[in-house]
Each structure stands twice: as C-alpha cells, then as structure tokens.
Amino acid sequence: MDLKKVYVSVSQRRVFIYPDESPWEYEIVADREIIPVFQKLFDQLSDVERSNFWRAHIPIRLYHLDKENDEYDNRMKKLYALIHEFSNEESRTLIESLPYFNESRRVFVE
C-alpha cells in the first residue's frame, strides 16, 4: 500500500499535493488509488450543478422536489464520507457534525 498525504479543498474542488499550493480544508493520508476518486466526485458535482442551472430556468418545476438537488446532496455525502475515512480525528469530528454526514439530523417529509 502506497500512502500519500494530500490536501483537499472542497470549496475549490481540487486536491493538492503540496500544502502551500493553495488554501485547503482537509489533510488526508490515502492510498494513491483513492486520490483520483476525489476528482471524479468533483467532476460529478460540476455536472449536477450544470443540470441544476438548466432546471432553474423551468418556472413550473419546484426545486425542492427535484432529483438533481438530491443527486447533488448524494455526491456531497460521498465526498465528505471519503474525506472522513482518510482524515485526522479533528476533521472527522467536524465532518460528523455536518448535516450531510449525520443521518440522525435528516428531516423526512411525507
């Protein structure tokens, strides 16, 4: 197993090899094979945002009942779960407090 320390920026949707390349939010240590998964998730988030942009121009379609919004949330959950798995204890605690990660805070509408 070839572990590598990298720096993930969710806001910029990038993974950095060096800590001084750019601002980042999470430091992770993961196998080199896992690192491309972050970029794939970032790309998927961008794709979902594009479809949300076009959906926003349909006035009769309610955004809160839209599958694209659910898809965006699912991608964010996957991203934070991946960061949680490979980050330090401080980051894990922060991520566990997020509504995306904590299923017990989920609001169910019937």
N, C-alpha and C. Protein backbone atom coordinates (compact mmCIF):
# COMPACT_ATOMS: atom_id res chain seq x y z
N MET A 1 0.85 -1.17 0.00
CA MET A 1 0.00 0.00 0.00
C MET A 1 0.90 1.24 0.00
N ASP A 2 0.69 2.12 -0.96
CA ASP A 2 1.49 3.32 -1.12
C ASP A 2 0.68 4.52 -0.64
N LEU A 3 0.87 4.92 0.62
CA LEU A 3 0.12 6.03 1.19
C LEU A 3 0.73 7.36 0.80
N LYS A 4 -0.15 8.33 0.59
CA LYS A 4 0.27 9.66 0.16
C LYS A 4 -0.52 10.69 0.95
N LYS A 5 0.15 11.72 1.43
CA LYS A 5 -0.53 12.83 2.11
C LYS A 5 -0.90 13.87 1.06
N VAL A 6 -2.20 14.22 1.01
CA VAL A 6 -2.67 15.24 0.08
C VAL A 6 -3.61 16.19 0.83
N TYR A 7 -3.93 17.28 0.18
CA TYR A 7 -4.72 18.35 0.78
C TYR A 7 -5.93 18.61 -0.09
N VAL A 8 -7.11 18.48 0.50
CA VAL A 8 -8.36 18.56 -0.25
C VAL A 8 -9.04 19.89 0.03
N SER A 9 -9.44 20.54 -1.04
CA SER A 9 -10.23 21.76 -0.93
C SER A 9 -11.60 21.50 -1.54
N VAL A 10 -12.61 21.43 -0.70
CA VAL A 10 -13.98 21.22 -1.17
C VAL A 10 -14.47 22.48 -1.87
N SER A 11 -14.12 23.64 -1.34
CA SER A 11 -14.58 24.89 -1.93
C SER A 11 -14.02 25.13 -3.33
N GLN A 12 -12.78 24.71 -3.56
CA GLN A 12 -12.17 24.86 -4.89
C GLN A 12 -12.32 23.61 -5.74
N ARG A 13 -12.77 22.53 -5.11
CA ARG A 13 -12.92 21.24 -5.78
C ARG A 13 -11.60 20.79 -6.41
N ARG A 14 -10.59 20.76 -5.56
CA ARG A 14 -9.26 20.36 -6.02
C ARG A 14 -8.56 19.55 -4.94
N VAL A 15 -7.61 18.75 -5.38
CA VAL A 15 -6.73 18.02 -4.48
C VAL A 15 -5.32 18.53 -4.76
N PHE A 16 -4.63 18.94 -3.70
CA PHE A 16 -3.29 19.50 -3.83
C PHE A 16 -2.26 18.54 -3.23
N ILE A 17 -1.12 18.46 -3.88
CA ILE A 17 -0.04 17.61 -3.40
C ILE A 17 0.78 18.32 -2.34
N TYR A 18 0.92 19.63 -2.48
CA TYR A 18 1.73 20.42 -1.55
C TYR A 18 0.82 21.34 -0.74
N PRO A 19 1.08 21.49 0.55
CA PRO A 19 0.20 22.30 1.41
C PRO A 19 0.22 23.79 1.09
N ASP A 20 1.27 24.26 0.45
CA ASP A 20 1.34 25.69 0.17
C ASP A 20 0.94 26.05 -1.26
N GLU A 21 0.37 25.11 -1.98
CA GLU A 21 -0.10 25.38 -3.35
C GLU A 21 -1.26 26.35 -3.36
N SER A 22 -2.18 26.13 -2.44
CA SER A 22 -3.40 26.91 -2.39
C SER A 22 -4.09 26.63 -1.06
N PRO A 23 -5.04 27.45 -0.67
CA PRO A 23 -5.78 27.14 0.56
C PRO A 23 -6.54 25.82 0.43
N TRP A 24 -6.58 25.06 1.50
CA TRP A 24 -7.27 23.78 1.53
C TRP A 24 -7.98 23.63 2.86
N GLU A 25 -8.92 22.70 2.92
CA GLU A 25 -9.69 22.49 4.15
C GLU A 25 -9.31 21.21 4.89
N TYR A 26 -8.93 20.15 4.16
CA TYR A 26 -8.71 18.86 4.79
C TYR A 26 -7.40 18.24 4.35
N GLU A 27 -6.64 17.74 5.31
CA GLU A 27 -5.44 16.98 5.03
C GLU A 27 -5.79 15.51 5.18
N ILE A 28 -5.50 14.72 4.17
CA ILE A 28 -5.80 13.30 4.25
C ILE A 28 -4.55 12.49 3.91
N VAL A 29 -4.54 11.26 4.39
CA VAL A 29 -3.50 10.30 4.05
C VAL A 29 -4.22 9.09 3.47
N ALA A 30 -3.98 8.85 2.18
CA ALA A 30 -4.71 7.78 1.49
C ALA A 30 -3.82 7.08 0.48
N ASP A 31 -4.27 5.94 0.08
CA ASP A 31 -3.60 5.19 -0.98
C ASP A 31 -3.69 6.01 -2.27
N ARG A 32 -2.67 5.94 -3.08
CA ARG A 32 -2.63 6.70 -4.34
C ARG A 32 -3.82 6.39 -5.25
N GLU A 33 -4.37 5.21 -5.15
CA GLU A 33 -5.51 4.83 -5.99
C GLU A 33 -6.80 5.54 -5.59
N ILE A 34 -6.88 6.02 -4.37
CA ILE A 34 -8.07 6.70 -3.88
C ILE A 34 -8.12 8.15 -4.35
N ILE A 35 -6.99 8.76 -4.53
CA ILE A 35 -6.93 10.19 -4.84
C ILE A 35 -7.71 10.58 -6.11
N PRO A 36 -7.66 9.81 -7.20
CA PRO A 36 -8.47 10.17 -8.36
C PRO A 36 -9.98 10.12 -8.12
N VAL A 37 -10.41 9.40 -7.10
CA VAL A 37 -11.83 9.35 -6.77
C VAL A 37 -12.34 10.73 -6.37
N PHE A 38 -11.50 11.50 -5.69
CA PHE A 38 -11.90 12.86 -5.33
C PHE A 38 -12.18 13.69 -6.58
N GLN A 39 -11.30 13.61 -7.57
CA GLN A 39 -11.51 14.40 -8.78
C GLN A 39 -12.77 13.95 -9.51
N LYS A 40 -13.03 12.65 -9.49
CA LYS A 40 -14.24 12.14 -10.14
C LYS A 40 -15.49 12.70 -9.44
N LEU A 41 -15.48 12.72 -8.12
CA LEU A 41 -16.61 13.29 -7.38
C LEU A 41 -16.76 14.79 -7.65
N PHE A 42 -15.64 15.50 -7.72
CA PHE A 42 -15.70 16.93 -8.04
C PHE A 42 -16.27 17.15 -9.43
N ASP A 43 -15.89 16.33 -10.39
CA ASP A 43 -16.42 16.44 -11.75
C ASP A 43 -17.92 16.15 -11.77
N GLN A 44 -18.35 15.16 -11.01
CA GLN A 44 -19.77 14.83 -10.95
C GLN A 44 -20.56 15.96 -10.32
N LEU A 45 -20.00 16.60 -9.30
CA LEU A 45 -20.68 17.75 -8.70
C LEU A 45 -20.85 18.88 -9.71
N SER A 46 -19.84 19.12 -10.52
CA SER A 46 -19.94 20.15 -11.55
C SER A 46 -21.01 19.81 -12.58
N ASP A 47 -21.08 18.55 -12.96
CA ASP A 47 -22.11 18.12 -13.91
C ASP A 47 -23.51 18.32 -13.34
N VAL A 48 -23.69 17.95 -12.09
CA VAL A 48 -25.00 18.11 -11.45
C VAL A 48 -25.36 19.60 -11.33
N GLU A 49 -24.38 20.42 -11.04
CA GLU A 49 -24.64 21.86 -10.97
C GLU A 49 -25.09 22.41 -12.31
N ARG A 50 -24.48 21.93 -13.39
CA ARG A 50 -24.90 22.39 -14.73
C ARG A 50 -26.34 22.01 -15.00
N SER A 51 -26.72 20.78 -14.67
CA SER A 51 -28.11 20.38 -14.90
C SER A 51 -29.06 21.16 -13.99
N ASN A 52 -28.61 21.49 -12.77
CA ASN A 52 -29.43 22.32 -11.89
C ASN A 52 -29.60 23.72 -12.47
N PHE A 53 -28.59 24.24 -13.12
CA PHE A 53 -28.69 25.55 -13.74
C PHE A 53 -29.80 25.56 -14.79
N TRP A 54 -29.83 24.54 -15.64
CA TRP A 54 -30.86 24.48 -16.68
C TRP A 54 -32.24 24.23 -16.07
N ARG A 55 -32.29 23.41 -15.03
CA ARG A 55 -33.56 23.15 -14.36
C ARG A 55 -34.11 24.42 -13.72
N ALA A 56 -33.25 25.29 -13.25
CA ALA A 56 -33.69 26.52 -12.58
C ALA A 56 -34.45 27.45 -13.52
N HIS A 57 -34.31 27.24 -14.81
CA HIS A 57 -35.00 28.10 -15.79
C HIS A 57 -36.37 27.55 -16.20
N ILE A 58 -36.80 26.51 -15.53
CA ILE A 58 -38.14 25.96 -15.76
C ILE A 58 -39.00 26.40 -14.58
N PRO A 59 -39.82 27.42 -14.75
CA PRO A 59 -40.52 28.01 -13.61
C PRO A 59 -41.53 27.11 -12.92
N ILE A 60 -42.10 26.16 -13.63
CA ILE A 60 -43.14 25.33 -13.02
C ILE A 60 -42.57 24.20 -12.17
N ARG A 61 -41.29 23.92 -12.31
CA ARG A 61 -40.67 22.81 -11.59
C ARG A 61 -40.12 23.29 -10.24
N LEU A 62 -40.62 22.72 -9.17
CA LEU A 62 -40.20 23.13 -7.83
C LEU A 62 -38.83 22.55 -7.51
N TYR A 63 -37.93 23.41 -7.08
CA TYR A 63 -36.54 22.98 -6.86
C TYR A 63 -36.41 22.00 -5.70
N HIS A 64 -37.23 22.12 -4.67
CA HIS A 64 -37.07 21.25 -3.51
C HIS A 64 -37.64 19.85 -3.73
N LEU A 65 -38.31 19.63 -4.84
CA LEU A 65 -38.81 18.30 -5.18
C LEU A 65 -38.07 17.75 -6.39
N ASP A 66 -36.88 18.22 -6.60
CA ASP A 66 -36.13 17.92 -7.81
C ASP A 66 -35.06 16.87 -7.56
N LYS A 67 -34.97 15.88 -8.45
CA LYS A 67 -33.99 14.80 -8.29
C LYS A 67 -32.56 15.31 -8.43
N GLU A 68 -32.34 16.40 -9.18
CA GLU A 68 -31.00 16.94 -9.32
C GLU A 68 -30.46 17.45 -7.98
N ASN A 69 -31.33 18.05 -7.17
CA ASN A 69 -30.90 18.50 -5.84
C ASN A 69 -30.51 17.31 -4.97
N ASP A 70 -31.29 16.25 -5.05
CA ASP A 70 -30.96 15.04 -4.29
C ASP A 70 -29.64 14.45 -4.77
N GLU A 71 -29.41 14.50 -6.06
CA GLU A 71 -28.16 13.97 -6.62
C GLU A 71 -26.96 14.78 -6.12
N TYR A 72 -27.12 16.08 -6.06
CA TYR A 72 -26.05 16.94 -5.54
C TYR A 72 -25.75 16.59 -4.08
N ASP A 73 -26.80 16.46 -3.29
CA ASP A 73 -26.63 16.08 -1.88
C ASP A 73 -25.93 14.74 -1.74
N ASN A 74 -26.31 13.77 -2.57
CA ASN A 74 -25.68 12.45 -2.50
C ASN A 74 -24.20 12.52 -2.82
N ARG A 75 -23.83 13.32 -3.82
CA ARG A 75 -22.41 13.47 -4.16
C ARG A 75 -21.64 14.13 -3.02
N MET A 76 -22.24 15.13 -2.38
CA MET A 76 -21.58 15.80 -1.26
C MET A 76 -21.41 14.82 -0.09
N LYS A 77 -22.41 14.00 0.15
CA LYS A 77 -22.30 12.99 1.21
C LYS A 77 -21.16 12.02 0.93
N LYS A 78 -21.04 11.59 -0.32
CA LYS A 78 -19.96 10.67 -0.69
C LYS A 78 -18.61 11.34 -0.52
N LEU A 79 -18.52 12.60 -0.91
CA LEU A 79 -17.27 13.34 -0.79
C LEU A 79 -16.85 13.46 0.67
N TYR A 80 -17.77 13.87 1.53
CA TYR A 80 -17.42 14.02 2.94
C TYR A 80 -17.17 12.68 3.62
N ALA A 81 -17.85 11.62 3.18
CA ALA A 81 -17.58 10.29 3.74
C ALA A 81 -16.17 9.84 3.37
N LEU A 82 -15.74 10.15 2.16
CA LEU A 82 -14.39 9.80 1.72
C LEU A 82 -13.35 10.59 2.50
N ILE A 83 -13.59 11.87 2.68
CA ILE A 83 -12.67 12.69 3.48
C ILE A 83 -12.63 12.18 4.91
N HIS A 84 -13.79 11.86 5.46
CA HIS A 84 -13.89 11.35 6.83
C HIS A 84 -13.06 10.08 7.01
N GLU A 85 -13.10 9.22 6.04
CA GLU A 85 -12.40 7.94 6.15
C GLU A 85 -10.88 8.11 6.22
N PHE A 86 -10.35 9.11 5.54
CA PHE A 86 -8.89 9.24 5.43
C PHE A 86 -8.30 10.45 6.15
N SER A 87 -9.10 11.19 6.88
CA SER A 87 -8.59 12.40 7.54
C SER A 87 -8.24 12.13 9.00
N ASN A 88 -7.77 13.18 9.67
CA ASN A 88 -7.38 13.06 11.08
C ASN A 88 -8.61 13.18 11.99
N GLU A 89 -8.40 12.99 13.27
CA GLU A 89 -9.51 12.96 14.23
C GLU A 89 -10.26 14.29 14.30
N GLU A 90 -9.54 15.40 14.24
CA GLU A 90 -10.18 16.72 14.29
C GLU A 90 -11.13 16.92 13.10
N SER A 91 -10.68 16.55 11.93
CA SER A 91 -11.53 16.66 10.73
C SER A 91 -12.72 15.72 10.80
N ARG A 92 -12.49 14.52 11.31
CA ARG A 92 -13.60 13.57 11.45
C ARG A 92 -14.69 14.12 12.36
N THR A 93 -14.28 14.71 13.46
CA THR A 93 -15.26 15.28 14.39
C THR A 93 -16.06 16.39 13.72
N LEU A 94 -15.37 17.24 12.97
CA LEU A 94 -16.06 18.32 12.26
C LEU A 94 -17.04 17.76 11.23
N ILE A 95 -16.61 16.79 10.46
CA ILE A 95 -17.47 16.22 9.43
C ILE A 95 -18.66 15.50 10.03
N GLU A 96 -18.47 14.85 11.16
CA GLU A 96 -19.59 14.16 11.82
C GLU A 96 -20.66 15.13 12.30
N SER A 97 -20.31 16.39 12.47
CA SER A 97 -21.29 17.38 12.90
C SER A 97 -22.07 17.99 11.72
N LEU A 98 -21.65 17.72 10.50
CA LEU A 98 -22.32 18.28 9.33
C LEU A 98 -23.64 17.58 9.05
N PRO A 99 -24.64 18.33 8.58
CA PRO A 99 -25.92 17.69 8.26
C PRO A 99 -25.80 16.69 7.12
N TYR A 100 -24.87 16.90 6.19
CA TYR A 100 -24.66 15.95 5.10
C TYR A 100 -24.24 14.59 5.63
N PHE A 101 -23.46 14.59 6.67
CA PHE A 101 -22.88 13.35 7.16
C PHE A 101 -23.76 12.67 8.20
N ASN A 102 -24.38 13.45 9.04
CA ASN A 102 -25.12 12.92 10.17
C ASN A 102 -26.56 12.60 9.78
N GLU A 103 -26.86 11.34 9.60
CA GLU A 103 -28.19 10.92 9.17
C GLU A 103 -29.26 11.15 10.24
N SER A 104 -28.87 11.23 11.51
CA SER A 104 -29.87 11.39 12.56
C SER A 104 -30.53 12.77 12.52
N ARG A 105 -29.89 13.73 11.86
CA ARG A 105 -30.47 15.07 11.74
C ARG A 105 -31.33 15.23 10.50
N ARG A 106 -31.44 14.20 9.74
CA ARG A 106 -32.17 14.27 8.48
C ARG A 106 -33.65 14.53 8.73
N VAL A 107 -34.22 15.41 7.94
CA VAL A 107 -35.64 15.74 8.04
C VAL A 107 -36.39 14.96 6.98
N PHE A 108 -37.38 14.21 7.40
CA PHE A 108 -38.18 13.43 6.47
C PHE A 108 -39.50 14.12 6.23
N VAL A 109 -39.85 14.28 4.98
CA VAL A 109 -41.11 14.89 4.61
C VAL A 109 -41.96 13.82 3.95
N GLU A 110 -43.18 13.70 4.42
CA GLU A 110 -44.06 12.68 3.84
C GLU A 110 -45.11 13.33 2.96
